[in-house]
Amino acid sequence: MPILIVTHKISPALRSDYIYIIENGKITHAGSPKLLLKSGNLLSKSFEEISHWFKKNEI
């Protein structure tokens, strides 16, 4: 059964089978989390920033 989840958080998105990235009201990227994390898009940049923050703050 397909389920649509709209989120601003990365965690639920990474657990999804397929992601659509919407910027300025348009779909700019679509694919699996694994593929999108390698693509240099909004998701991968956000993930890198969060990872860097956690490493910097030793959390």
N, C-alpha and C. Protein backbone atom coordinates (compact mmCIF):
# COMPACT_ATOMS: atom_id res chain seq x y z
N MET A 1 0.84 -1.17 0.00
CA MET A 1 0.00 0.00 0.00
C MET A 1 0.89 1.24 0.00
N PRO A 2 0.79 2.11 -0.99
CA PRO A 2 1.57 3.34 -1.01
C PRO A 2 1.13 4.30 0.09
N ILE A 3 2.09 4.95 0.68
CA ILE A 3 1.83 5.96 1.70
C ILE A 3 2.65 7.19 1.35
N LEU A 4 2.03 8.35 1.42
CA LEU A 4 2.71 9.61 1.15
C LEU A 4 3.05 10.28 2.48
N ILE A 5 4.32 10.61 2.66
CA ILE A 5 4.78 11.31 3.86
C ILE A 5 5.44 12.60 3.41
N VAL A 6 5.01 13.69 3.98
CA VAL A 6 5.63 14.99 3.70
C VAL A 6 6.41 15.38 4.95
N THR A 7 7.70 15.63 4.80
CA THR A 7 8.52 15.91 5.97
C THR A 7 9.63 16.91 5.66
N HIS A 8 10.05 17.62 6.69
CA HIS A 8 11.23 18.47 6.60
C HIS A 8 12.40 17.81 7.31
N LYS A 9 12.14 16.65 7.90
CA LYS A 9 13.18 15.94 8.63
C LYS A 9 13.81 14.86 7.75
N ILE A 10 15.09 14.68 7.91
CA ILE A 10 15.81 13.73 7.08
C ILE A 10 15.55 12.28 7.49
N SER A 11 15.42 12.02 8.78
CA SER A 11 15.27 10.66 9.27
C SER A 11 14.12 9.89 8.61
N PRO A 12 12.89 10.43 8.59
CA PRO A 12 11.81 9.69 7.92
C PRO A 12 12.06 9.51 6.43
N ALA A 13 12.67 10.50 5.81
CA ALA A 13 12.95 10.41 4.38
C ALA A 13 13.92 9.27 4.08
N LEU A 14 14.93 9.11 4.92
CA LEU A 14 15.93 8.07 4.68
C LEU A 14 15.37 6.66 4.87
N ARG A 15 14.26 6.54 5.60
CA ARG A 15 13.64 5.23 5.79
C ARG A 15 12.62 4.92 4.69
N SER A 16 12.44 5.82 3.76
CA SER A 16 11.48 5.63 2.68
C SER A 16 12.07 4.80 1.55
N ASP A 17 11.18 4.24 0.75
CA ASP A 17 11.63 3.48 -0.43
C ASP A 17 11.98 4.41 -1.59
N TYR A 18 11.25 5.52 -1.68
CA TYR A 18 11.42 6.44 -2.80
C TYR A 18 11.16 7.85 -2.30
N ILE A 19 11.93 8.81 -2.77
CA ILE A 19 11.82 10.19 -2.31
C ILE A 19 11.66 11.12 -3.51
N TYR A 20 10.79 12.10 -3.33
CA TYR A 20 10.70 13.21 -4.28
C TYR A 20 11.17 14.45 -3.54
N ILE A 21 12.12 15.18 -4.11
CA ILE A 21 12.58 16.42 -3.52
C ILE A 21 11.89 17.56 -4.27
N ILE A 22 11.18 18.38 -3.51
CA ILE A 22 10.43 19.49 -4.09
C ILE A 22 11.08 20.80 -3.65
N GLU A 23 11.46 21.60 -4.62
CA GLU A 23 12.03 22.92 -4.35
C GLU A 23 11.25 23.96 -5.15
N ASN A 24 10.82 25.00 -4.48
CA ASN A 24 10.05 26.07 -5.13
C ASN A 24 8.82 25.53 -5.86
N GLY A 25 8.18 24.51 -5.27
CA GLY A 25 6.96 23.96 -5.83
C GLY A 25 7.14 23.00 -6.99
N LYS A 26 8.38 22.64 -7.32
CA LYS A 26 8.63 21.72 -8.43
C LYS A 26 9.47 20.54 -7.97
N ILE A 27 9.21 19.37 -8.52
CA ILE A 27 10.01 18.19 -8.21
C ILE A 27 11.36 18.36 -8.92
N THR A 28 12.42 18.43 -8.13
CA THR A 28 13.75 18.63 -8.71
C THR A 28 14.57 17.34 -8.76
N HIS A 29 14.28 16.40 -7.86
CA HIS A 29 14.99 15.12 -7.83
C HIS A 29 14.03 14.04 -7.35
N ALA A 30 14.27 12.83 -7.79
CA ALA A 30 13.47 11.70 -7.34
C ALA A 30 14.33 10.45 -7.39
N GLY A 31 14.12 9.57 -6.41
CA GLY A 31 14.86 8.31 -6.40
C GLY A 31 14.94 7.72 -5.02
N SER A 32 15.71 6.67 -4.90
CA SER A 32 15.89 6.01 -3.60
C SER A 32 16.77 6.90 -2.72
N PRO A 33 16.66 6.74 -1.40
CA PRO A 33 17.53 7.53 -0.51
C PRO A 33 19.01 7.30 -0.82
N LYS A 34 19.39 6.06 -1.08
CA LYS A 34 20.79 5.73 -1.36
C LYS A 34 21.28 6.49 -2.60
N LEU A 35 20.47 6.50 -3.64
CA LEU A 35 20.84 7.21 -4.87
C LEU A 35 20.91 8.72 -4.64
N LEU A 36 19.91 9.26 -3.96
CA LEU A 36 19.86 10.71 -3.76
C LEU A 36 20.96 11.22 -2.84
N LEU A 37 21.40 10.40 -1.89
CA LEU A 37 22.49 10.83 -1.01
C LEU A 37 23.81 10.96 -1.76
N LYS A 38 23.92 10.35 -2.92
CA LYS A 38 25.14 10.42 -3.73
C LYS A 38 25.07 11.49 -4.82
N SER A 39 23.93 12.18 -4.92
CA SER A 39 23.67 13.03 -6.08
C SER A 39 24.06 14.49 -5.94
N GLY A 40 24.46 14.95 -4.76
CA GLY A 40 24.80 16.35 -4.59
C GLY A 40 23.59 17.27 -4.62
N ASN A 41 22.44 16.76 -4.19
CA ASN A 41 21.22 17.56 -4.19
C ASN A 41 20.93 18.08 -2.79
N LEU A 42 19.74 18.63 -2.60
CA LEU A 42 19.34 19.20 -1.31
C LEU A 42 19.42 18.17 -0.19
N LEU A 43 18.99 16.94 -0.43
CA LEU A 43 19.02 15.90 0.60
C LEU A 43 20.46 15.59 1.00
N SER A 44 21.33 15.39 0.05
CA SER A 44 22.71 15.03 0.37
C SER A 44 23.43 16.18 1.07
N LYS A 45 23.17 17.40 0.65
CA LYS A 45 23.81 18.56 1.30
C LYS A 45 23.31 18.72 2.74
N SER A 46 22.01 18.54 2.95
CA SER A 46 21.45 18.64 4.30
C SER A 46 22.02 17.54 5.19
N PHE A 47 22.12 16.34 4.66
CA PHE A 47 22.66 15.22 5.43
C PHE A 47 24.11 15.48 5.82
N GLU A 48 24.90 16.02 4.90
CA GLU A 48 26.30 16.34 5.19
C GLU A 48 26.40 17.40 6.28
N GLU A 49 25.57 18.43 6.20
CA GLU A 49 25.58 19.49 7.22
C GLU A 49 25.23 18.95 8.60
N ILE A 50 24.22 18.11 8.66
CA ILE A 50 23.81 17.54 9.94
C ILE A 50 24.90 16.62 10.48
N SER A 51 25.47 15.79 9.63
CA SER A 51 26.55 14.89 10.05
C SER A 51 27.73 15.68 10.59
N HIS A 52 28.08 16.75 9.88
CA HIS A 52 29.20 17.60 10.31
C HIS A 52 28.90 18.23 11.67
N TRP A 53 27.67 18.71 11.87
CA TRP A 53 27.28 19.32 13.13
C TRP A 53 27.40 18.33 14.28
N PHE A 54 26.92 17.09 14.06
CA PHE A 54 27.00 16.08 15.12
C PHE A 54 28.44 15.73 15.46
N LYS A 55 29.29 15.64 14.43
CA LYS A 55 30.71 15.33 14.68
C LYS A 55 31.39 16.47 15.43
N LYS A 56 31.07 17.70 15.03
CA LYS A 56 31.66 18.88 15.66
C LYS A 56 31.25 18.98 17.13
N ASN A 57 30.01 18.66 17.44
CA ASN A 57 29.49 18.78 18.79
C ASN A 57 29.57 17.47 19.57
N GLU A 58 30.17 16.47 18.99
CA GLU A 58 30.40 15.17 19.64
C GLU A 58 29.12 14.60 20.28
N ILE A 59 28.07 14.61 19.52
CA ILE A 59 26.79 14.06 20.01
C ILE A 59 26.60 12.68 19.45
